[in-house]
């Protein structure tokens, strides 16, 4: 039995279009409806035939849905939910894909006070955006973290979990605040560091932009990939999760100062111990299947 029969996706970017493609592949009998505030995006979605129907308004999109997934930036979540609140069926479950959850729980509860809400965060993505960037296997063997508020109907949570399992995801459940602290260090801070490093390189007067591009080593290229992520989405993530991000940034700054002192005073043993510890973390990520074990992150070489 399918967990849901009529799924509506609000926001047809990388994640929204990937959910549509993955649902088509895993649950072809599910009726899929899509909506995006941008009419050009709706036209692309129709051309790519991702949905059974691309609605012209969010209210029309949700009117007979049993699952509505908000795939919009965190900062737009409340406004997007208010747009369809009057047309939302009483029995529908509302979920999302936002990268921070405490603010999403607050926003959706405010916009949809009588709805059944099961927030979710599929920990997957690429630096690309838009409806043409999605692909059906994006969520395979990736974690999807559910953060239902206290008192959420257990059957609704299990239905959302089963939906994501069928898209290939592994399921974990966390409290919203705990999720935000975990993701602040594993996702949000790395993005902030990448934006900073690439921004510093582009602003250096003694190194031209052409030299930065021409002589970029593998590590810097990986930072540029992260720093190419959607700016609207990440602006909203940092502002919505500011307390946890600032807390982790303070801890990182202290560790960076300690590393700076070790380099200045030639403390090679401290550097060696740190680098040994971080190698072990990398091995653990590979052992759990969360990245490619091939050298150079799986890049092909002539």
C-alpha atoms as a PDB file:
ATOM      1  CA  UNK A   1       0.000   0.000   0.000  1.00  0.00           C
ATOM      2  CA  UNK A   2       1.309   3.451  -0.908  1.00  0.00           C
ATOM      3  CA  UNK A   3       1.982   5.859   1.970  1.00  0.00           C
ATOM      4  CA  UNK A   4       0.310   8.649  -0.047  1.00  0.00           C
ATOM      5  CA  UNK A   5      -1.738   8.647  -3.241  1.00  0.00           C
ATOM      6  CA  UNK A   6      -1.791  12.362  -4.157  1.00  0.00           C
ATOM      7  CA  UNK A   7       1.421  14.320  -3.590  1.00  0.00           C
ATOM      8  CA  UNK A   8       1.856  18.050  -4.177  1.00  0.00           C
ATOM      9  CA  UNK A   9       5.273  19.684  -4.404  1.00  0.00           C
ATOM     10  CA  UNK A  10       5.477  23.435  -3.786  1.00  0.00           C
ATOM     11  CA  UNK A  11       8.748  24.752  -5.238  1.00  0.00           C
ATOM     12  CA  UNK A  12      10.265  23.005  -8.244  1.00  0.00           C
ATOM     13  CA  UNK A  13      14.001  23.489  -7.782  1.00  0.00           C
ATOM     14  CA  UNK A  14      16.732  20.888  -7.352  1.00  0.00           C
ATOM     15  CA  UNK A  15      15.072  19.130  -4.402  1.00  0.00           C
ATOM     16  CA  UNK A  16      11.472  19.523  -5.547  1.00  0.00           C
ATOM     17  CA  UNK A  17      12.197  18.255  -9.047  1.00  0.00           C
ATOM     18  CA  UNK A  18      14.274  15.372  -7.643  1.00  0.00           C
ATOM     19  CA  UNK A  19      11.387  14.339  -5.385  1.00  0.00           C
ATOM     20  CA  UNK A  20       9.076  14.386  -8.407  1.00  0.00           C
ATOM     21  CA  UNK A  21      11.450  12.273 -10.488  1.00  0.00           C
ATOM     22  CA  UNK A  22      12.134   9.856  -7.627  1.00  0.00           C
ATOM     23  CA  UNK A  23       8.411   9.458  -6.921  1.00  0.00           C
ATOM     24  CA  UNK A  24       7.754   8.766 -10.600  1.00  0.00           C
ATOM     25  CA  UNK A  25      10.418   6.049 -10.544  1.00  0.00           C
ATOM     26  CA  UNK A  26       9.519   4.440  -7.191  1.00  0.00           C
ATOM     27  CA  UNK A  27       5.748   4.996  -7.013  1.00  0.00           C
ATOM     28  CA  UNK A  28       4.500   5.559 -10.574  1.00  0.00           C
ATOM     29  CA  UNK A  29       0.823   5.372  -9.619  1.00  0.00           C
ATOM     30  CA  UNK A  30       1.055   8.379  -7.267  1.00  0.00           C
ATOM     31  CA  UNK A  31      -0.745  11.449  -8.656  1.00  0.00           C
ATOM     32  CA  UNK A  32       1.841  14.253  -8.731  1.00  0.00           C
ATOM     33  CA  UNK A  33       1.005  17.957  -8.756  1.00  0.00           C
ATOM     34  CA  UNK A  34       3.591  20.720  -8.857  1.00  0.00           C
ATOM     35  CA  UNK A  35       3.576  24.453  -8.291  1.00  0.00           C
ATOM     36  CA  UNK A  36       6.254  27.145  -8.399  1.00  0.00           C
ATOM     37  CA  UNK A  37       5.811  30.884  -7.910  1.00  0.00           C
ATOM     38  CA  UNK A  38       7.953  31.511 -11.004  1.00  0.00           C
ATOM     39  CA  UNK A  39       5.902  31.030 -14.204  1.00  0.00           C
ATOM     40  CA  UNK A  40       9.078  30.224 -16.174  1.00  0.00           C
ATOM     41  CA  UNK A  41       9.834  27.366 -13.797  1.00  0.00           C
ATOM     42  CA  UNK A  42       6.270  26.087 -14.199  1.00  0.00           C
ATOM     43  CA  UNK A  43       6.730  26.128 -17.974  1.00  0.00           C
ATOM     44  CA  UNK A  44       9.961  24.134 -17.699  1.00  0.00           C
ATOM     45  CA  UNK A  45       8.288  21.604 -15.382  1.00  0.00           C
ATOM     46  CA  UNK A  46       5.467  21.143 -17.897  1.00  0.00           C
ATOM     47  CA  UNK A  47       7.940  20.714 -20.737  1.00  0.00           C
ATOM     48  CA  UNK A  48       9.889  18.109 -18.775  1.00  0.00           C
ATOM     49  CA  UNK A  49       6.628  16.267 -17.961  1.00  0.00           C
ATOM     50  CA  UNK A  50       7.555  15.857 -14.305  1.00  0.00           C
ATOM     51  CA  UNK A  51       3.998  16.088 -12.974  1.00  0.00           C
ATOM     52  CA  UNK A  52       0.514  14.938 -13.848  1.00  0.00           C
ATOM     53  CA  UNK A  53      -0.500  18.556 -13.352  1.00  0.00           C
ATOM     54  CA  UNK A  54       1.358  21.851 -12.905  1.00  0.00           C
ATOM     55  CA  UNK A  55      -1.034  24.197 -11.126  1.00  0.00           C
ATOM     56  CA  UNK A  56      -1.240  27.944 -11.663  1.00  0.00           C
ATOM     57  CA  UNK A  57      -1.633  28.639  -7.933  1.00  0.00           C
ATOM     58  CA  UNK A  58      -0.567  26.904  -4.745  1.00  0.00           C
ATOM     59  CA  UNK A  59      -4.178  26.722  -3.570  1.00  0.00           C
ATOM     60  CA  UNK A  60      -5.181  24.836  -6.692  1.00  0.00           C
ATOM     61  CA  UNK A  61      -2.133  22.586  -6.275  1.00  0.00           C
ATOM     62  CA  UNK A  62      -3.057  21.353  -2.781  1.00  0.00           C
ATOM     63  CA  UNK A  63      -6.840  21.138  -3.082  1.00  0.00           C
ATOM     64  CA  UNK A  64      -6.998  17.303  -3.196  1.00  0.00           C
ATOM     65  CA  UNK A  65      -3.516  16.410  -1.873  1.00  0.00           C
ATOM     66  CA  UNK A  66      -2.875  13.968   0.939  1.00  0.00           C
ATOM     67  CA  UNK A  67       0.797  15.021   1.169  1.00  0.00           C
ATOM     68  CA  UNK A  68       2.108  18.545   0.541  1.00  0.00           C
ATOM     69  CA  UNK A  69       5.888  19.040   0.501  1.00  0.00           C
ATOM     70  CA  UNK A  70       7.204  22.591   0.723  1.00  0.00           C
ATOM     71  CA  UNK A  71      10.463  22.831  -1.237  1.00  0.00           C
ATOM     72  CA  UNK A  72      11.014  26.570  -0.846  1.00  0.00           C
ATOM     73  CA  UNK A  73      13.744  28.547   0.970  1.00  0.00           C
ATOM     74  CA  UNK A  74      13.337  28.563   4.743  1.00  0.00           C
ATOM     75  CA  UNK A  75      12.694  32.302   4.758  1.00  0.00           C
ATOM     76  CA  UNK A  76       9.746  31.850   2.387  1.00  0.00           C
ATOM     77  CA  UNK A  77       8.196  28.888   4.207  1.00  0.00           C
ATOM     78  CA  UNK A  78       5.568  30.710   6.267  1.00  0.00           C
ATOM     79  CA  UNK A  79       4.362  32.919   3.411  1.00  0.00           C
ATOM     80  CA  UNK A  80       4.183  29.956   1.039  1.00  0.00           C
ATOM     81  CA  UNK A  81       2.113  27.960   3.533  1.00  0.00           C
ATOM     82  CA  UNK A  82      -0.282  30.857   4.157  1.00  0.00           C
ATOM     83  CA  UNK A  83      -0.977  31.072   0.417  1.00  0.00           C
ATOM     84  CA  UNK A  84      -2.621  27.643   0.326  1.00  0.00           C
ATOM     85  CA  UNK A  85      -3.895  27.409   3.914  1.00  0.00           C
ATOM     86  CA  UNK A  86      -7.554  27.956   2.986  1.00  0.00           C
ATOM     87  CA  UNK A  87      -7.516  25.185   0.344  1.00  0.00           C
ATOM     88  CA  UNK A  88      -5.535  22.598   2.332  1.00  0.00           C
ATOM     89  CA  UNK A  89      -7.624  19.436   2.971  1.00  0.00           C
ATOM     90  CA  UNK A  90      -8.135  18.702   6.647  1.00  0.00           C
ATOM     91  CA  UNK A  91      -6.666  15.192   6.296  1.00  0.00           C
ATOM     92  CA  UNK A  92      -3.538  16.267   4.390  1.00  0.00           C
ATOM     93  CA  UNK A  93      -0.054  15.927   5.873  1.00  0.00           C
ATOM     94  CA  UNK A  94       2.305  18.881   5.354  1.00  0.00           C
ATOM     95  CA  UNK A  95       6.065  18.404   5.191  1.00  0.00           C
ATOM     96  CA  UNK A  96       9.085  20.309   3.910  1.00  0.00           C
ATOM     97  CA  UNK A  97      12.752  19.882   2.990  1.00  0.00           C
ATOM     98  CA  UNK A  98      14.337  22.814   4.858  1.00  0.00           C
ATOM     99  CA  UNK A  99      17.894  22.643   6.194  1.00  0.00           C
ATOM    100  CA  UNK A 100      16.979  24.060   9.610  1.00  0.00           C
ATOM    101  CA  UNK A 101      13.978  22.839  11.515  1.00  0.00           C
ATOM    102  CA  UNK A 102      13.161  24.876  14.639  1.00  0.00           C
ATOM    103  CA  UNK A 103      12.253  27.908  12.522  1.00  0.00           C
ATOM    104  CA  UNK A 104      10.298  25.716  10.088  1.00  0.00           C
ATOM    105  CA  UNK A 105       8.276  24.178  12.927  1.00  0.00           C
ATOM    106  CA  UNK A 106       7.437  27.669  14.195  1.00  0.00           C
ATOM    107  CA  UNK A 107       6.621  29.038  10.725  1.00  0.00           C
ATOM    108  CA  UNK A 108       4.374  26.166   9.671  1.00  0.00           C
ATOM    109  CA  UNK A 109       2.568  26.019  13.009  1.00  0.00           C
ATOM    110  CA  UNK A 110       1.823  29.727  12.663  1.00  0.00           C
ATOM    111  CA  UNK A 111       0.613  29.485   9.065  1.00  0.00           C
ATOM    112  CA  UNK A 112      -1.238  26.163   9.418  1.00  0.00           C
ATOM    113  CA  UNK A 113      -2.342  25.889  13.072  1.00  0.00           C
ATOM    114  CA  UNK A 114      -4.758  23.006  12.460  1.00  0.00           C
ATOM    115  CA  UNK A 115      -2.654  20.977  10.025  1.00  0.00           C
ATOM    116  CA  UNK A 116      -0.719  17.759  10.609  1.00  0.00           C
ATOM    117  CA  UNK A 117       2.910  18.815  10.127  1.00  0.00           C
ATOM    118  CA  UNK A 118       5.877  16.433   9.798  1.00  0.00           C
ATOM    119  CA  UNK A 119       9.005  18.472   8.973  1.00  0.00           C
ATOM    120  CA  UNK A 120      11.763  16.640   7.098  1.00  0.00           C
ATOM    121  CA  UNK A 121      15.294  17.341   5.922  1.00  0.00           C
ATOM    122  CA  UNK A 122      16.750  15.151   3.182  1.00  0.00           C
ATOM    123  CA  UNK A 123      20.499  15.572   3.669  1.00  0.00           C
ATOM    124  CA  UNK A 124      21.288  15.523  -0.029  1.00  0.00           C
ATOM    125  CA  UNK A 125      21.898  18.007  -2.792  1.00  0.00           C
ATOM    126  CA  UNK A 126      24.329  19.468  -5.285  1.00  0.00           C
ATOM    127  CA  UNK A 127      25.548  22.981  -6.023  1.00  0.00           C
ATOM    128  CA  UNK A 128      23.097  23.207  -8.920  1.00  0.00           C
ATOM    129  CA  UNK A 129      19.577  24.598  -8.762  1.00  0.00           C
ATOM    130  CA  UNK A 130      16.405  24.747 -10.816  1.00  0.00           C
ATOM    131  CA  UNK A 131      14.000  22.149 -12.193  1.00  0.00           C
ATOM    132  CA  UNK A 132      16.471  20.821 -14.742  1.00  0.00           C
ATOM    133  CA  UNK A 133      19.064  20.046 -12.027  1.00  0.00           C
ATOM    134  CA  UNK A 134      17.073  17.310 -10.291  1.00  0.00           C
ATOM    135  CA  UNK A 135      17.535  13.562 -10.680  1.00  0.00           C
ATOM    136  CA  UNK A 136      15.717  10.518  -9.364  1.00  0.00           C
ATOM    137  CA  UNK A 137      18.596   8.957  -7.425  1.00  0.00           C
ATOM    138  CA  UNK A 138      19.537  12.053  -5.402  1.00  0.00           C
ATOM    139  CA  UNK A 139      18.237  10.559  -2.147  1.00  0.00           C
ATOM    140  CA  UNK A 140      19.582   7.010  -2.532  1.00  0.00           C
ATOM    141  CA  UNK A 141      21.391   5.969   0.667  1.00  0.00           C
ATOM    142  CA  UNK A 142      21.211   9.517   2.022  1.00  0.00           C
ATOM    143  CA  UNK A 143      19.731  10.429   5.380  1.00  0.00           C
ATOM    144  CA  UNK A 144      16.331  12.061   5.666  1.00  0.00           C
ATOM    145  CA  UNK A 145      15.866  13.486   9.161  1.00  0.00           C
ATOM    146  CA  UNK A 146      12.307  13.881  10.434  1.00  0.00           C
ATOM    147  CA  UNK A 147      11.681  16.447  13.186  1.00  0.00           C
ATOM    148  CA  UNK A 148       8.014  16.109  14.190  1.00  0.00           C
ATOM    149  CA  UNK A 149       6.860  18.440  16.980  1.00  0.00           C
ATOM    150  CA  UNK A 150       5.728  16.842  20.242  1.00  0.00           C
ATOM    151  CA  UNK A 151       2.264  15.351  19.942  1.00  0.00           C
ATOM    152  CA  UNK A 152       2.416  14.772  16.176  1.00  0.00           C
ATOM    153  CA  UNK A 153       0.290  11.839  15.037  1.00  0.00           C
ATOM    154  CA  UNK A 154       2.555   8.769  14.969  1.00  0.00           C
ATOM    155  CA  UNK A 155       0.875   7.311  11.888  1.00  0.00           C
ATOM    156  CA  UNK A 156       1.500  10.537   9.952  1.00  0.00           C
ATOM    157  CA  UNK A 157       5.186  10.420  10.915  1.00  0.00           C
ATOM    158  CA  UNK A 158       5.462   6.807   9.784  1.00  0.00           C
ATOM    159  CA  UNK A 159       3.735   7.574   6.471  1.00  0.00           C
ATOM    160  CA  UNK A 160       6.226  10.372   5.746  1.00  0.00           C
ATOM    161  CA  UNK A 161       9.092   8.079   6.772  1.00  0.00           C
ATOM    162  CA  UNK A 162       7.847   5.355   4.430  1.00  0.00           C
ATOM    163  CA  UNK A 163       7.505   7.863   1.585  1.00  0.00           C
ATOM    164  CA  UNK A 164      11.186   8.785   1.944  1.00  0.00           C
ATOM    165  CA  UNK A 165      12.249   5.149   2.318  1.00  0.00           C
ATOM    166  CA  UNK A 166      10.654   4.440  -1.039  1.00  0.00           C
ATOM    167  CA  UNK A 167      12.754   7.233  -2.546  1.00  0.00           C
ATOM    168  CA  UNK A 168      15.843   5.393  -1.295  1.00  0.00           C
ATOM    169  CA  UNK A 169      16.576   7.411   1.856  1.00  0.00           C
ATOM    170  CA  UNK A 170      17.645   6.254   5.310  1.00  0.00           C
ATOM    171  CA  UNK A 171      15.434   7.650   8.095  1.00  0.00           C
ATOM    172  CA  UNK A 172      16.400   9.295  11.378  1.00  0.00           C
ATOM    173  CA  UNK A 173      14.208  11.218  13.828  1.00  0.00           C
ATOM    174  CA  UNK A 174      15.455  14.146  15.933  1.00  0.00           C
ATOM    175  CA  UNK A 175      14.104  17.022  17.974  1.00  0.00           C
ATOM    176  CA  UNK A 176      14.166  20.211  15.855  1.00  0.00           C
ATOM    177  CA  UNK A 177      16.667  22.043  18.088  1.00  0.00           C
ATOM    178  CA  UNK A 178      19.036  19.083  18.179  1.00  0.00           C
ATOM    179  CA  UNK A 179      18.842  18.751  14.392  1.00  0.00           C
ATOM    180  CA  UNK A 180      19.840  22.397  14.032  1.00  0.00           C
ATOM    181  CA  UNK A 181      22.930  21.985  16.210  1.00  0.00           C
ATOM    182  CA  UNK A 182      24.033  18.823  14.383  1.00  0.00           C
ATOM    183  CA  UNK A 183      23.563  20.364  10.950  1.00  0.00           C
ATOM    184  CA  UNK A 184      25.221  23.610  12.020  1.00  0.00           C
ATOM    185  CA  UNK A 185      28.550  21.754  12.259  1.00  0.00           C
ATOM    186  CA  UNK A 186      28.109  19.150   9.511  1.00  0.00           C
ATOM    187  CA  UNK A 187      26.522  21.352   6.834  1.00  0.00           C
ATOM    188  CA  UNK A 188      25.995  25.005   7.664  1.00  0.00           C
ATOM    189  CA  UNK A 189      29.485  25.850   8.971  1.00  0.00           C
ATOM    190  CA  UNK A 190      31.251  24.084   6.048  1.00  0.00           C
ATOM    191  CA  UNK A 191      29.193  26.175   3.629  1.00  0.00           C
ATOM    192  CA  UNK A 192      30.039  29.353   5.543  1.00  0.00           C
ATOM    193  CA  UNK A 193      33.739  28.471   5.443  1.00  0.00           C
ATOM    194  CA  UNK A 194      33.555  27.733   1.714  1.00  0.00           C
ATOM    195  CA  UNK A 195      31.844  31.036   0.960  1.00  0.00           C
ATOM    196  CA  UNK A 196      34.522  32.829   3.014  1.00  0.00           C
ATOM    197  CA  UNK A 197      37.547  31.093   1.459  1.00  0.00           C
ATOM    198  CA  UNK A 198      36.334  31.594  -2.104  1.00  0.00           C
ATOM    199  CA  UNK A 199      35.372  35.194  -1.317  1.00  0.00           C
ATOM    200  CA  UNK A 200      38.809  35.860   0.184  1.00  0.00           C
ATOM    201  CA  UNK A 201      40.529  34.414  -2.869  1.00  0.00           C
ATOM    202  CA  UNK A 202      38.459  36.562  -5.215  1.00  0.00           C
ATOM    203  CA  UNK A 203      39.241  39.720  -3.188  1.00  0.00           C
ATOM    204  CA  UNK A 204      43.023  39.289  -2.933  1.00  0.00           C
ATOM    205  CA  UNK A 205      44.724  42.128  -4.764  1.00  0.00           C
ATOM    206  CA  UNK A 206      48.069  40.366  -5.129  1.00  0.00           C
ATOM    207  CA  UNK A 207      46.521  37.301  -6.789  1.00  0.00           C
ATOM    208  CA  UNK A 208      44.454  37.817  -9.920  1.00  0.00           C
ATOM    209  CA  UNK A 209      41.148  36.033 -10.453  1.00  0.00           C
ATOM    210  CA  UNK A 210      42.572  34.297 -13.515  1.00  0.00           C
ATOM    211  CA  UNK A 211      45.414  32.878 -11.377  1.00  0.00           C
ATOM    212  CA  UNK A 212      42.919  31.657  -8.772  1.00  0.00           C
ATOM    213  CA  UNK A 213      41.022  29.799 -11.470  1.00  0.00           C
ATOM    214  CA  UNK A 214      44.103  28.568 -13.371  1.00  0.00           C
ATOM    215  CA  UNK A 215      46.056  27.220 -10.415  1.00  0.00           C
ATOM    216  CA  UNK A 216      43.227  25.997  -8.183  1.00  0.00           C
ATOM    217  CA  UNK A 217      44.171  22.763  -6.444  1.00  0.00           C
ATOM    218  CA  UNK A 218      41.697  20.014  -5.636  1.00  0.00           C
ATOM    219  CA  UNK A 219      40.877  21.344  -2.170  1.00  0.00           C
ATOM    220  CA  UNK A 220      40.055  24.816  -3.442  1.00  0.00           C
ATOM    221  CA  UNK A 221      37.987  23.383  -6.303  1.00  0.00           C
ATOM    222  CA  UNK A 222      35.889  21.477  -3.768  1.00  0.00           C
ATOM    223  CA  UNK A 223      35.322  24.700  -1.840  1.00  0.00           C
ATOM    224  CA  UNK A 224      34.182  26.445  -5.040  1.00  0.00           C
ATOM    225  CA  UNK A 225      31.639  23.668  -5.630  1.00  0.00           C
ATOM    226  CA  UNK A 226      30.123  24.256  -2.193  1.00  0.00           C
ATOM    227  CA  UNK A 227      30.305  28.033  -2.610  1.00  0.00           C
ATOM    228  CA  UNK A 228      28.325  27.749  -5.851  1.00  0.00           C
ATOM    229  CA  UNK A 229      25.240  26.613  -3.893  1.00  0.00           C
ATOM    230  CA  UNK A 230      22.001  28.568  -4.135  1.00  0.00           C
ATOM    231  CA  UNK A 231      22.562  31.981  -2.442  1.00  0.00           C
ATOM    232  CA  UNK A 232      18.918  32.576  -1.489  1.00  0.00           C
ATOM    233  CA  UNK A 233      18.592  29.211   0.208  1.00  0.00           C
ATOM    234  CA  UNK A 234      21.808  29.576   2.182  1.00  0.00           C
ATOM    235  CA  UNK A 235      21.147  33.184   3.180  1.00  0.00           C
ATOM    236  CA  UNK A 236      17.888  31.984   4.747  1.00  0.00           C
ATOM    237  CA  UNK A 237      19.542  28.983   6.420  1.00  0.00           C
ATOM    238  CA  UNK A 238      22.171  31.120   8.160  1.00  0.00           C
ATOM    239  CA  UNK A 239      19.612  33.667   9.358  1.00  0.00           C
ATOM    240  CA  UNK A 240      17.082  31.060  10.508  1.00  0.00           C
ATOM    241  CA  UNK A 241      19.693  28.966  12.346  1.00  0.00           C
ATOM    242  CA  UNK A 242      21.829  31.877  13.485  1.00  0.00           C
ATOM    243  CA  UNK A 243      22.204  30.853  17.148  1.00  0.00           C
ATOM    244  CA  UNK A 244      23.522  27.367  16.424  1.00  0.00           C
ATOM    245  CA  UNK A 245      25.692  28.614  13.528  1.00  0.00           C
ATOM    246  CA  UNK A 246      27.231  31.395  15.637  1.00  0.00           C
ATOM    247  CA  UNK A 247      27.878  28.936  18.476  1.00  0.00           C
ATOM    248  CA  UNK A 248      29.684  26.518  16.141  1.00  0.00           C
ATOM    249  CA  UNK A 249      31.513  29.391  14.439  1.00  0.00           C
ATOM    250  CA  UNK A 250      32.844  30.529  17.827  1.00  0.00           C
ATOM    251  CA  UNK A 251      34.092  27.011  18.575  1.00  0.00           C
ATOM    252  CA  UNK A 252      35.664  26.814  15.116  1.00  0.00           C
ATOM    253  CA  UNK A 253      37.360  30.197  15.601  1.00  0.00           C
ATOM    254  CA  UNK A 254      38.887  28.988  18.866  1.00  0.00           C
ATOM    255  CA  UNK A 255      40.157  25.797  17.219  1.00  0.00           C
ATOM    256  CA  UNK A 256      41.524  27.827  14.301  1.00  0.00           C
ATOM    257  CA  UNK A 257      43.405  30.088  16.712  1.00  0.00           C
ATOM    258  CA  UNK A 258      44.954  27.026  18.365  1.00  0.00           C
ATOM    259  CA  UNK A 259      46.010  25.744  14.935  1.00  0.00           C
ATOM    260  CA  UNK A 260      47.489  29.143  14.104  1.00  0.00           C
ATOM    261  CA  UNK A 261      49.579  29.055  17.294  1.00  0.00           C
ATOM    262  CA  UNK A 262      50.791  25.527  16.544  1.00  0.00           C
ATOM    263  CA  UNK A 263      51.999  26.618  13.101  1.00  0.00           C
ATOM    264  CA  UNK A 264      53.601  29.812  14.436  1.00  0.00           C
ATOM    265  CA  UNK A 265      55.546  27.981  17.146  1.00  0.00           C
ATOM    266  CA  UNK A 266      56.462  24.986  15.018  1.00  0.00           C
ATOM    267  CA  UNK A 267      54.497  22.437  17.057  1.00  0.00           C
ATOM    268  CA  UNK A 268      54.595  19.647  14.498  1.00  0.00           C
ATOM    269  CA  UNK A 269      53.332  16.982  16.907  1.00  0.00           C
ATOM    270  CA  UNK A 270      50.107  18.941  17.510  1.00  0.00           C
ATOM    271  CA  UNK A 271      49.559  19.316  13.777  1.00  0.00           C
ATOM    272  CA  UNK A 272      50.245  15.628  13.171  1.00  0.00           C
ATOM    273  CA  UNK A 273      47.821  14.543  15.915  1.00  0.00           C
ATOM    274  CA  UNK A 274      45.049  16.772  14.543  1.00  0.00           C
ATOM    275  CA  UNK A 275      45.526  15.596  10.966  1.00  0.00           C
ATOM    276  CA  UNK A 276      45.544  11.942  12.110  1.00  0.00           C
ATOM    277  CA  UNK A 277      42.235  12.456  13.942  1.00  0.00           C
ATOM    278  CA  UNK A 278      40.604  14.100  10.933  1.00  0.00           C
ATOM    279  CA  UNK A 279      41.690  11.248   8.634  1.00  0.00           C
ATOM    280  CA  UNK A 280      39.788   8.861  10.883  1.00  0.00           C
ATOM    281  CA  UNK A 281      36.631  10.946  10.475  1.00  0.00           C
ATOM    282  CA  UNK A 282      36.984  10.731   6.695  1.00  0.00           C
ATOM    283  CA  UNK A 283      37.341   6.943   6.864  1.00  0.00           C
ATOM    284  CA  UNK A 284      34.181   6.734   8.965  1.00  0.00           C
ATOM    285  CA  UNK A 285      32.197   8.708   6.381  1.00  0.00           C
ATOM    286  CA  UNK A 286      33.341   6.347   3.619  1.00  0.00           C
ATOM    287  CA  UNK A 287      32.656   3.235   5.703  1.00  0.00           C
ATOM    288  CA  UNK A 288      29.052   4.383   6.232  1.00  0.00           C
ATOM    289  CA  UNK A 289      28.594   4.838   2.489  1.00  0.00           C
ATOM    290  CA  UNK A 290      28.180   8.606   2.672  1.00  0.00           C
ATOM    291  CA  UNK A 291      30.868   9.343   0.051  1.00  0.00           C
ATOM    292  CA  UNK A 292      32.827   7.789  -2.777  1.00  0.00           C
ATOM    293  CA  UNK A 293      35.926   5.862  -1.626  1.00  0.00           C
ATOM    294  CA  UNK A 294      37.627   6.401  -5.003  1.00  0.00           C
ATOM    295  CA  UNK A 295      40.717   8.654  -4.966  1.00  0.00           C
ATOM    296  CA  UNK A 296      40.163  12.363  -5.657  1.00  0.00           C
ATOM    297  CA  UNK A 297      36.443  12.067  -4.736  1.00  0.00           C
ATOM    298  CA  UNK A 298      35.733   9.841  -7.717  1.00  0.00           C
ATOM    299  CA  UNK A 299      36.913  12.288 -10.363  1.00  0.00           C
ATOM    300  CA  UNK A 300      37.867  10.701 -13.659  1.00  0.00           C
ATOM    301  CA  UNK A 301      41.291  11.386 -15.125  1.00  0.00           C
ATOM    302  CA  UNK A 302      42.669  10.879 -18.592  1.00  0.00           C
END
